[in-house]
């Protein structure tokens, strides 16, 4: 009994001073994670919403991206706040996927990561979102035969009207 009481007292002291772990939860949702019909060359903008669902302020200290396309993260660096308070929601353009000329048709995916944490020097992955860019073959626009016939008949009618006016002026 002499040993148990001090152990129970120590356990009670440890439990009473222990703090619950603070959750660092940031969610990232892209408005349109799949973009199709992209024709090279072009830049595809991705807009997303960051929500701090945790209990502490989180510092947003940077980004990293894995993708087979080049990605410009300047919009995030220029627009995102340095920190986001608990319960805060922030929507902005996050990045641009760059599709260079000559890119073959196909699907090009990637993942965008937000780095940060409880301090302005933290670099943990706070949130991530996957994206996909569907590149299609460049197509030339060829009008339908009906459209061509309609334009041709309009031009012919204008030419006929002009010829009649000239004939009237000569005959008058």
C-alpha atoms as a PDB file:
ATOM      1  CA  UNK A   1       0.000   0.000   0.000  1.00  0.00           C
ATOM      2  CA  UNK A   2       2.944   2.342   0.708  1.00  0.00           C
ATOM      3  CA  UNK A   3       4.167   1.990  -2.887  1.00  0.00           C
ATOM      4  CA  UNK A   4       0.761   2.222  -4.528  1.00  0.00           C
ATOM      5  CA  UNK A   5      -0.235   5.577  -2.997  1.00  0.00           C
ATOM      6  CA  UNK A   6       2.793   7.497  -4.334  1.00  0.00           C
ATOM      7  CA  UNK A   7       2.336   5.897  -7.753  1.00  0.00           C
ATOM      8  CA  UNK A   8      -1.341   6.851  -7.808  1.00  0.00           C
ATOM      9  CA  UNK A   9      -0.457  10.402  -6.754  1.00  0.00           C
ATOM     10  CA  UNK A  10       2.137  10.682  -9.544  1.00  0.00           C
ATOM     11  CA  UNK A  11      -0.326   9.303 -12.104  1.00  0.00           C
ATOM     12  CA  UNK A  12      -2.989  11.780 -10.972  1.00  0.00           C
ATOM     13  CA  UNK A  13      -0.492  14.655 -11.242  1.00  0.00           C
ATOM     14  CA  UNK A  14       0.588  13.632 -14.747  1.00  0.00           C
ATOM     15  CA  UNK A  15      -2.990  13.220 -15.949  1.00  0.00           C
ATOM     16  CA  UNK A  16      -4.106  16.545 -14.480  1.00  0.00           C
ATOM     17  CA  UNK A  17      -1.280  18.503 -16.166  1.00  0.00           C
ATOM     18  CA  UNK A  18      -1.369  16.684 -19.501  1.00  0.00           C
ATOM     19  CA  UNK A  19      -2.891  18.765 -22.314  1.00  0.00           C
ATOM     20  CA  UNK A  20      -4.828  17.242 -25.154  1.00  0.00           C
ATOM     21  CA  UNK A  21      -2.993  17.186 -28.458  1.00  0.00           C
ATOM     22  CA  UNK A  22      -3.832  20.162 -30.632  1.00  0.00           C
ATOM     23  CA  UNK A  23      -5.184  19.197 -34.000  1.00  0.00           C
ATOM     24  CA  UNK A  24      -3.538  20.786 -37.028  1.00  0.00           C
ATOM     25  CA  UNK A  25      -6.176  20.216 -39.642  1.00  0.00           C
ATOM     26  CA  UNK A  26      -6.264  22.126 -42.905  1.00  0.00           C
ATOM     27  CA  UNK A  27      -8.529  20.997 -45.721  1.00  0.00           C
ATOM     28  CA  UNK A  28      -7.922  21.871 -49.353  1.00  0.00           C
ATOM     29  CA  UNK A  29     -10.637  21.478 -51.978  1.00  0.00           C
ATOM     30  CA  UNK A  30     -10.085  22.380 -55.626  1.00  0.00           C
ATOM     31  CA  UNK A  31     -13.150  23.872 -57.332  1.00  0.00           C
ATOM     32  CA  UNK A  32     -12.447  21.948 -60.536  1.00  0.00           C
ATOM     33  CA  UNK A  33      -9.793  19.250 -60.035  1.00  0.00           C
ATOM     34  CA  UNK A  34     -10.356  17.811 -63.537  1.00  0.00           C
ATOM     35  CA  UNK A  35     -10.012  20.068 -66.568  1.00  0.00           C
ATOM     36  CA  UNK A  36     -10.489  18.519 -70.010  1.00  0.00           C
ATOM     37  CA  UNK A  37     -10.276  19.715 -73.594  1.00  0.00           C
ATOM     38  CA  UNK A  38      -7.101  21.732 -73.055  1.00  0.00           C
ATOM     39  CA  UNK A  39      -5.235  22.590 -76.256  1.00  0.00           C
ATOM     40  CA  UNK A  40      -1.502  23.288 -76.051  1.00  0.00           C
ATOM     41  CA  UNK A  41       0.008  25.754 -75.476  1.00  0.00           C
ATOM     42  CA  UNK A  42      -1.990  27.082 -72.537  1.00  0.00           C
ATOM     43  CA  UNK A  43      -2.039  27.635 -68.797  1.00  0.00           C
ATOM     44  CA  UNK A  44      -4.800  26.091 -66.686  1.00  0.00           C
ATOM     45  CA  UNK A  45      -5.697  27.913 -63.464  1.00  0.00           C
ATOM     46  CA  UNK A  46      -6.806  25.979 -60.394  1.00  0.00           C
ATOM     47  CA  UNK A  47      -8.878  27.701 -57.706  1.00  0.00           C
ATOM     48  CA  UNK A  48      -9.182  26.117 -54.287  1.00  0.00           C
ATOM     49  CA  UNK A  49     -10.552  26.651 -50.801  1.00  0.00           C
ATOM     50  CA  UNK A  50      -8.440  26.276 -47.662  1.00  0.00           C
ATOM     51  CA  UNK A  51     -10.301  25.683 -44.397  1.00  0.00           C
ATOM     52  CA  UNK A  52      -8.695  25.478 -40.958  1.00  0.00           C
ATOM     53  CA  UNK A  53     -10.840  22.905 -39.164  1.00  0.00           C
ATOM     54  CA  UNK A  54      -8.376  22.626 -36.282  1.00  0.00           C
ATOM     55  CA  UNK A  55      -8.077  24.446 -32.982  1.00  0.00           C
ATOM     56  CA  UNK A  56      -4.873  26.422 -33.612  1.00  0.00           C
ATOM     57  CA  UNK A  57      -3.721  29.053 -36.060  1.00  0.00           C
ATOM     58  CA  UNK A  58      -1.736  27.508 -38.899  1.00  0.00           C
ATOM     59  CA  UNK A  59       1.066  29.224 -40.785  1.00  0.00           C
ATOM     60  CA  UNK A  60       1.082  28.654 -44.550  1.00  0.00           C
ATOM     61  CA  UNK A  61       4.783  28.623 -45.358  1.00  0.00           C
ATOM     62  CA  UNK A  62       4.966  27.278 -48.895  1.00  0.00           C
ATOM     63  CA  UNK A  63       3.936  24.678 -51.418  1.00  0.00           C
ATOM     64  CA  UNK A  64       5.296  21.803 -53.392  1.00  0.00           C
ATOM     65  CA  UNK A  65       3.865  20.047 -56.434  1.00  0.00           C
ATOM     66  CA  UNK A  66       4.348  16.673 -58.045  1.00  0.00           C
ATOM     67  CA  UNK A  67       3.314  16.678 -61.703  1.00  0.00           C
ATOM     68  CA  UNK A  68       4.598  15.814 -65.151  1.00  0.00           C
ATOM     69  CA  UNK A  69       3.572  19.343 -66.219  1.00  0.00           C
ATOM     70  CA  UNK A  70       5.331  22.510 -65.128  1.00  0.00           C
ATOM     71  CA  UNK A  71       3.347  24.230 -62.394  1.00  0.00           C
ATOM     72  CA  UNK A  72       3.441  27.920 -61.443  1.00  0.00           C
ATOM     73  CA  UNK A  73       2.689  28.414 -57.714  1.00  0.00           C
ATOM     74  CA  UNK A  74       3.046  32.211 -57.856  1.00  0.00           C
ATOM     75  CA  UNK A  75      -0.712  32.722 -57.332  1.00  0.00           C
ATOM     76  CA  UNK A  76      -0.567  30.893 -53.977  1.00  0.00           C
ATOM     77  CA  UNK A  77       2.542  32.732 -52.858  1.00  0.00           C
ATOM     78  CA  UNK A  78       1.037  36.103 -53.850  1.00  0.00           C
ATOM     79  CA  UNK A  79      -2.541  35.601 -52.594  1.00  0.00           C
ATOM     80  CA  UNK A  80      -2.557  33.213 -49.639  1.00  0.00           C
ATOM     81  CA  UNK A  81      -2.432  34.642 -46.123  1.00  0.00           C
ATOM     82  CA  UNK A  82       0.651  33.956 -44.007  1.00  0.00           C
ATOM     83  CA  UNK A  83      -1.566  32.244 -41.431  1.00  0.00           C
ATOM     84  CA  UNK A  84      -5.110  31.002 -41.151  1.00  0.00           C
ATOM     85  CA  UNK A  85      -7.072  31.104 -37.894  1.00  0.00           C
ATOM     86  CA  UNK A  86      -9.220  28.224 -36.583  1.00  0.00           C
ATOM     87  CA  UNK A  87     -12.498  28.118 -38.506  1.00  0.00           C
ATOM     88  CA  UNK A  88     -11.247  30.481 -41.207  1.00  0.00           C
ATOM     89  CA  UNK A  89     -11.974  29.796 -44.878  1.00  0.00           C
ATOM     90  CA  UNK A  90      -9.955  31.231 -47.757  1.00  0.00           C
ATOM     91  CA  UNK A  91     -10.617  30.808 -51.503  1.00  0.00           C
ATOM     92  CA  UNK A  92      -8.190  31.909 -54.219  1.00  0.00           C
ATOM     93  CA  UNK A  93      -6.332  30.860 -57.328  1.00  0.00           C
ATOM     94  CA  UNK A  94      -3.686  28.458 -56.028  1.00  0.00           C
ATOM     95  CA  UNK A  95      -1.598  27.498 -59.052  1.00  0.00           C
ATOM     96  CA  UNK A  96      -1.416  27.201 -62.826  1.00  0.00           C
ATOM     97  CA  UNK A  97      -0.545  24.052 -64.749  1.00  0.00           C
ATOM     98  CA  UNK A  98       1.454  24.998 -67.844  1.00  0.00           C
ATOM     99  CA  UNK A  99       0.831  22.973 -70.998  1.00  0.00           C
ATOM    100  CA  UNK A 100       3.629  23.721 -73.500  1.00  0.00           C
ATOM    101  CA  UNK A 101       3.191  23.598 -77.264  1.00  0.00           C
ATOM    102  CA  UNK A 102       3.700  20.147 -78.702  1.00  0.00           C
ATOM    103  CA  UNK A 103       2.297  18.356 -75.631  1.00  0.00           C
ATOM    104  CA  UNK A 104       0.805  15.027 -76.727  1.00  0.00           C
ATOM    105  CA  UNK A 105      -2.879  14.323 -76.138  1.00  0.00           C
ATOM    106  CA  UNK A 106      -3.533  12.588 -72.854  1.00  0.00           C
ATOM    107  CA  UNK A 107      -4.134  12.993 -69.169  1.00  0.00           C
ATOM    108  CA  UNK A 108      -1.548  14.780 -67.029  1.00  0.00           C
ATOM    109  CA  UNK A 109      -2.105  14.592 -63.287  1.00  0.00           C
ATOM    110  CA  UNK A 110      -0.425  15.870 -60.205  1.00  0.00           C
ATOM    111  CA  UNK A 111      -0.762  16.751 -56.540  1.00  0.00           C
ATOM    112  CA  UNK A 112      -0.541  20.203 -54.950  1.00  0.00           C
ATOM    113  CA  UNK A 113       0.692  20.319 -51.339  1.00  0.00           C
ATOM    114  CA  UNK A 114       0.389  23.167 -48.809  1.00  0.00           C
ATOM    115  CA  UNK A 115       3.289  23.286 -46.351  1.00  0.00           C
ATOM    116  CA  UNK A 116       3.362  24.897 -42.915  1.00  0.00           C
ATOM    117  CA  UNK A 117       2.368  24.282 -39.326  1.00  0.00           C
ATOM    118  CA  UNK A 118       2.088  25.973 -35.936  1.00  0.00           C
ATOM    119  CA  UNK A 119       5.036  28.345 -36.581  1.00  0.00           C
ATOM    120  CA  UNK A 120       6.317  30.456 -39.447  1.00  0.00           C
ATOM    121  CA  UNK A 121       9.240  28.058 -39.933  1.00  0.00           C
ATOM    122  CA  UNK A 122       7.269  24.790 -40.004  1.00  0.00           C
ATOM    123  CA  UNK A 123       7.268  22.817 -43.248  1.00  0.00           C
ATOM    124  CA  UNK A 124       4.948  19.880 -42.641  1.00  0.00           C
ATOM    125  CA  UNK A 125       2.390  18.903 -45.260  1.00  0.00           C
ATOM    126  CA  UNK A 126      -0.845  20.468 -44.010  1.00  0.00           C
ATOM    127  CA  UNK A 127      -3.113  19.592 -46.936  1.00  0.00           C
ATOM    128  CA  UNK A 128      -3.010  18.261 -50.476  1.00  0.00           C
ATOM    129  CA  UNK A 129      -5.263  17.972 -53.507  1.00  0.00           C
ATOM    130  CA  UNK A 130      -4.930  16.006 -56.723  1.00  0.00           C
ATOM    131  CA  UNK A 131      -5.593  17.550 -60.120  1.00  0.00           C
ATOM    132  CA  UNK A 132      -5.777  16.337 -63.702  1.00  0.00           C
ATOM    133  CA  UNK A 133      -5.381  18.167 -67.019  1.00  0.00           C
ATOM    134  CA  UNK A 134      -6.778  16.470 -70.123  1.00  0.00           C
ATOM    135  CA  UNK A 135      -4.935  17.637 -73.222  1.00  0.00           C
ATOM    136  CA  UNK A 136      -6.711  17.155 -76.541  1.00  0.00           C
ATOM    137  CA  UNK A 137      -5.451  17.377 -80.093  1.00  0.00           C
ATOM    138  CA  UNK A 138      -5.621  20.786 -81.715  1.00  0.00           C
ATOM    139  CA  UNK A 139      -8.514  20.929 -84.133  1.00  0.00           C
ATOM    140  CA  UNK A 140      -9.124  23.349 -86.942  1.00  0.00           C
ATOM    141  CA  UNK A 141     -12.612  24.707 -87.246  1.00  0.00           C
ATOM    142  CA  UNK A 142     -14.176  23.721 -90.559  1.00  0.00           C
ATOM    143  CA  UNK A 143     -17.656  25.129 -91.146  1.00  0.00           C
ATOM    144  CA  UNK A 144     -20.496  22.777 -91.945  1.00  0.00           C
ATOM    145  CA  UNK A 145     -21.581  22.605 -95.586  1.00  0.00           C
ATOM    146  CA  UNK A 146     -24.915  24.256 -94.730  1.00  0.00           C
ATOM    147  CA  UNK A 147     -23.138  27.242 -93.205  1.00  0.00           C
ATOM    148  CA  UNK A 148     -20.903  27.570 -96.255  1.00  0.00           C
ATOM    149  CA  UNK A 149     -23.931  27.431 -98.579  1.00  0.00           C
ATOM    150  CA  UNK A 150     -25.760  30.086 -96.539  1.00  0.00           C
ATOM    151  CA  UNK A 151     -22.776  32.461 -96.634  1.00  0.00           C
ATOM    152  CA  UNK A 152     -22.282  31.827-100.360  1.00  0.00           C
ATOM    153  CA  UNK A 153     -25.955  32.561-101.128  1.00  0.00           C
ATOM    154  CA  UNK A 154     -25.750  35.775 -99.082  1.00  0.00           C
ATOM    155  CA  UNK A 155     -22.668  36.915-101.006  1.00  0.00           C
ATOM    156  CA  UNK A 156     -24.370  36.037-104.304  1.00  0.00           C
ATOM    157  CA  UNK A 157     -27.480  38.023-103.317  1.00  0.00           C
ATOM    158  CA  UNK A 158     -25.345  41.064-102.451  1.00  0.00           C
ATOM    159  CA  UNK A 159     -23.499  40.797-105.779  1.00  0.00           C
ATOM    160  CA  UNK A 160     -26.816  40.531-107.671  1.00  0.00           C
ATOM    161  CA  UNK A 161     -28.255  43.566-105.855  1.00  0.00           C
ATOM    162  CA  UNK A 162     -25.134  45.591-106.643  1.00  0.00           C
ATOM    163  CA  UNK A 163     -25.271  44.580-110.320  1.00  0.00           C
ATOM    164  CA  UNK A 164     -28.931  45.688-110.522  1.00  0.00           C
ATOM    165  CA  UNK A 165     -28.085  49.078-108.983  1.00  0.00           C
ATOM    166  CA  UNK A 166     -25.314  49.617-111.527  1.00  0.00           C
ATOM    167  CA  UNK A 167     -27.646  48.634-114.372  1.00  0.00           C
ATOM    168  CA  UNK A 168     -30.283  51.136-113.161  1.00  0.00           C
ATOM    169  CA  UNK A 169     -27.734  53.938-112.918  1.00  0.00           C
ATOM    170  CA  UNK A 170     -26.502  53.269-116.458  1.00  0.00           C
ATOM    171  CA  UNK A 171     -29.998  53.074-117.866  1.00  0.00           C
ATOM    172  CA  UNK A 172     -31.213  56.217-116.133  1.00  0.00           C
END
